């Protein structure tokens, strides 16, 4: 909202969220720009400093740590299937300029003069995790059990139960997910269709 030439934040209203499950903690010092496009499952914690401009769907048992950003505007999409952690300072980019010769770049440029955008969903399958200061670019698809290590940058599909590290992130280690799936089953969750991935 613009008032007297200055940008003024509107008071945040959690009731505007599309849906919220049970046992949900949302710190009051966050900013979700499109709450009507956000669905939140159960057993969720969203910490101080989370900033989000995209559509978001969160399954169950998800922790978004302090100072995580998720950008990409109303057409950007973040989907977390459940049992995910996004560590402090991670950057999730669901839409970004292509940075080529297709036009001028920047969100304030009129549409007819803007360069091309890359807008692709960022998906976290069950048990995938993002470490501190990692960057997920448009189209990042973290398969079941994937870990993106500290400061890594990833785009595209990943292999299940694999640790990725570096810029660009490369596979560095495999994980045995059997105990993880077994514990989730004890909690009442079934991942049989994904266990062999």
Protein backbone atom coordinates (compact mmCIF):
# COMPACT_ATOMS: atom_id res chain seq x y z
CA UNK A 1 0.00 0.00 0.00
CA UNK A 2 1.42 3.38 -0.96
CA UNK A 3 0.72 6.31 1.38
CA UNK A 4 2.17 9.76 0.84
CA UNK A 5 4.88 8.39 -1.44
CA UNK A 6 6.15 5.88 1.16
CA UNK A 7 5.71 2.12 1.23
CA UNK A 8 3.77 1.06 4.31
CA UNK A 9 3.40 -2.61 5.27
CA UNK A 10 -0.11 -3.71 6.05
CA UNK A 11 -0.68 -5.59 9.30
CA UNK A 12 -0.32 -9.31 8.67
CA UNK A 13 -3.48 -11.38 9.23
CA UNK A 14 -2.92 -15.13 9.65
CA UNK A 15 -6.63 -15.75 9.10
CA UNK A 16 -6.02 -14.99 5.43
CA UNK A 17 -3.98 -18.19 4.99
CA UNK A 18 -5.75 -20.67 2.72
CA UNK A 19 -5.60 -23.49 5.28
CA UNK A 20 -3.74 -24.22 8.50
CA UNK A 21 -3.45 -27.64 10.19
CA UNK A 22 -2.86 -28.53 13.84
CA UNK A 23 0.21 -27.78 15.97
CA UNK A 24 1.39 -24.87 13.84
CA UNK A 25 3.81 -22.18 15.06
CA UNK A 26 4.23 -19.11 12.88
CA UNK A 27 6.47 -16.35 14.23
CA UNK A 28 4.88 -12.91 14.12
CA UNK A 29 7.96 -11.46 12.39
CA UNK A 30 7.44 -13.03 8.97
CA UNK A 31 5.96 -11.72 5.74
CA UNK A 32 3.80 -13.85 3.44
CA UNK A 33 2.79 -11.57 0.58
CA UNK A 34 0.01 -13.82 -0.79
CA UNK A 35 -1.51 -15.62 2.22
CA UNK A 36 -4.57 -16.69 0.23
CA UNK A 37 -2.22 -18.88 -1.88
CA UNK A 38 -0.71 -20.67 1.13
CA UNK A 39 -1.79 -24.04 2.57
CA UNK A 40 -0.12 -25.27 5.74
CA UNK A 41 -0.34 -28.83 7.10
CA UNK A 42 0.16 -29.99 10.69
CA UNK A 43 3.24 -29.87 12.91
CA UNK A 44 4.76 -26.84 11.19
CA UNK A 45 7.19 -24.22 12.51
CA UNK A 46 7.94 -21.06 10.54
CA UNK A 47 10.59 -18.95 12.26
CA UNK A 48 11.51 -15.28 12.44
CA UNK A 49 12.34 -13.51 9.20
CA UNK A 50 10.66 -15.84 6.67
CA UNK A 51 9.75 -13.83 3.56
CA UNK A 52 7.56 -15.33 0.84
CA UNK A 53 5.99 -13.93 -2.34
CA UNK A 54 4.86 -17.21 -3.96
CA UNK A 55 2.19 -19.88 -3.75
CA UNK A 56 3.11 -22.37 -1.00
CA UNK A 57 1.84 -25.81 -0.05
CA UNK A 58 3.35 -27.35 3.08
CA UNK A 59 2.61 -30.95 4.09
CA UNK A 60 3.17 -32.20 7.66
CA UNK A 61 6.29 -31.97 9.86
CA UNK A 62 8.06 -29.05 8.24
CA UNK A 63 10.42 -26.53 9.79
CA UNK A 64 11.31 -23.30 7.99
CA UNK A 65 14.19 -21.75 9.93
CA UNK A 66 15.02 -18.06 10.39
CA UNK A 67 15.66 -15.73 7.46
CA UNK A 68 14.55 -18.06 4.66
CA UNK A 69 13.28 -16.33 1.52
CA UNK A 70 11.00 -17.78 -1.12
CA UNK A 71 10.55 -15.48 -4.10
CA UNK A 72 8.93 -15.66 -7.51
CA UNK A 73 5.68 -13.71 -7.33
CA UNK A 74 2.12 -14.97 -7.73
CA UNK A 75 3.08 -17.48 -10.44
CA UNK A 76 5.92 -18.99 -8.40
CA UNK A 77 5.23 -22.28 -6.58
CA UNK A 78 6.88 -23.97 -3.60
CA UNK A 79 5.60 -27.44 -2.62
CA UNK A 80 6.95 -29.31 0.39
CA UNK A 81 5.51 -32.84 0.68
CA UNK A 82 6.37 -33.29 4.35
CA UNK A 83 9.17 -34.13 6.79
CA UNK A 84 11.20 -31.27 5.29
CA UNK A 85 13.56 -28.76 6.87
CA UNK A 86 14.71 -25.55 5.23
CA UNK A 87 17.64 -24.22 7.27
CA UNK A 88 18.53 -20.64 8.14
CA UNK A 89 19.24 -18.26 5.30
CA UNK A 90 18.24 -20.62 2.49
CA UNK A 91 17.01 -19.00 -0.72
CA UNK A 92 14.21 -20.55 -2.75
CA UNK A 93 13.76 -18.91 -6.13
CA UNK A 94 10.64 -20.04 -7.99
CA UNK A 95 10.86 -17.42 -10.77
CA UNK A 96 13.79 -15.39 -12.03
CA UNK A 97 14.90 -13.34 -14.99
CA UNK A 98 16.72 -15.28 -17.66
CA UNK A 99 19.48 -12.63 -17.89
CA UNK A 100 19.93 -12.77 -21.65
CA UNK A 101 19.28 -10.28 -24.46
CA UNK A 102 15.48 -10.68 -24.37
CA UNK A 103 14.74 -7.34 -22.66
CA UNK A 104 15.27 -5.19 -19.59
CA UNK A 105 15.38 -6.96 -16.23
CA UNK A 106 13.71 -5.95 -13.01
CA UNK A 107 10.32 -6.28 -11.39
CA UNK A 108 9.47 -2.61 -11.93
CA UNK A 109 9.94 -2.70 -15.73
CA UNK A 110 6.69 -2.60 -17.78
CA UNK A 111 5.78 -6.06 -19.09
CA UNK A 112 6.25 -5.22 -22.77
CA UNK A 113 9.90 -4.25 -22.14
CA UNK A 114 10.87 -6.99 -19.68
CA UNK A 115 13.22 -9.86 -20.41
CA UNK A 116 12.09 -13.49 -20.30
CA UNK A 117 11.37 -15.14 -16.96
CA UNK A 118 12.09 -18.68 -15.86
CA UNK A 119 9.09 -19.71 -13.74
CA UNK A 120 9.16 -23.32 -12.59
CA UNK A 121 7.92 -24.92 -9.34
CA UNK A 122 10.37 -25.81 -6.59
CA UNK A 123 9.43 -29.21 -5.14
CA UNK A 124 10.65 -30.91 -1.95
CA UNK A 125 9.59 -34.56 -1.80
CA UNK A 126 9.26 -36.29 1.61
CA UNK A 127 12.39 -36.23 3.82
CA UNK A 128 14.30 -33.84 1.55
CA UNK A 129 16.18 -31.10 3.37
CA UNK A 130 17.91 -27.82 2.53
CA UNK A 131 20.95 -26.76 4.60
CA UNK A 132 21.93 -23.25 5.71
CA UNK A 133 22.43 -20.68 2.95
CA UNK A 134 21.70 -23.14 0.13
CA UNK A 135 20.01 -21.79 -3.01
CA UNK A 136 17.26 -23.62 -4.93
CA UNK A 137 16.74 -22.19 -8.41
CA UNK A 138 13.52 -22.42 -10.48
CA UNK A 139 12.75 -26.02 -11.40
CA UNK A 140 14.63 -27.56 -8.46
CA UNK A 141 13.05 -30.92 -7.64
CA UNK A 142 14.46 -32.54 -4.53
CA UNK A 143 13.62 -36.26 -4.68
CA UNK A 144 12.77 -38.27 -1.58
CA UNK A 145 15.50 -38.08 1.06
CA UNK A 146 17.73 -35.58 -0.75
CA UNK A 147 19.98 -33.25 1.25
CA UNK A 148 21.34 -30.03 -0.26
CA UNK A 149 24.41 -29.08 1.80
CA UNK A 150 25.46 -25.70 3.23
CA UNK A 151 25.87 -22.97 0.63
CA UNK A 152 25.12 -25.25 -2.33
CA UNK A 153 23.24 -24.11 -5.45
CA UNK A 154 20.90 -26.49 -7.26
CA UNK A 155 18.58 -26.50 -10.25
CA UNK A 156 16.75 -29.41 -11.85
CA UNK A 157 15.99 -32.95 -10.76
CA UNK A 158 17.87 -34.96 -8.16
CA UNK A 159 18.26 -38.66 -7.34
CA UNK A 160 16.49 -40.05 -4.23
CA UNK A 161 18.42 -40.48 -0.99
CA UNK A 162 21.43 -38.51 -2.20
CA UNK A 163 23.51 -35.70 -0.69
CA UNK A 164 24.29 -32.83 -3.09
CA UNK A 165 27.06 -30.31 -2.51
CA UNK A 166 28.72 -27.41 -4.33
CA UNK A 167 27.93 -24.78 -6.95
CA UNK A 168 26.53 -26.23 -9.08
CA UNK A 169 25.55 -28.98 -6.63
CA UNK A 170 26.73 -32.48 -7.50
CA UNK A 171 25.96 -35.83 -5.83
CA UNK A 172 28.56 -36.67 -3.17
CA UNK A 173 26.99 -39.43 -1.06
CA UNK A 174 24.09 -41.89 -0.89
CA UNK A 175 21.80 -42.23 2.15
CA UNK A 176 20.07 -45.40 3.36
CA UNK A 177 16.48 -44.24 3.92
CA UNK A 178 15.04 -47.44 5.38
CA UNK A 179 15.18 -46.35 9.04
CA UNK A 180 13.69 -42.95 8.14
CA UNK A 181 10.73 -44.54 6.31
CA UNK A 182 10.28 -47.09 9.11
CA UNK A 183 10.05 -44.30 11.71
CA UNK A 184 7.56 -42.36 9.58
CA UNK A 185 5.39 -45.49 9.31
CA UNK A 186 5.42 -45.77 13.11
CA UNK A 187 4.07 -42.21 13.14
CA UNK A 188 1.22 -43.29 10.86
CA UNK A 189 2.60 -42.19 7.49
CA UNK A 190 2.90 -44.57 4.54
CA UNK A 191 5.57 -44.13 1.89
CA UNK A 192 5.56 -47.65 0.37
CA UNK A 193 5.04 -46.31 -3.15
CA UNK A 194 8.15 -44.14 -2.80
CA UNK A 195 10.39 -46.37 -0.68
CA UNK A 196 12.04 -48.05 -3.66
CA UNK A 197 12.79 -44.77 -5.49
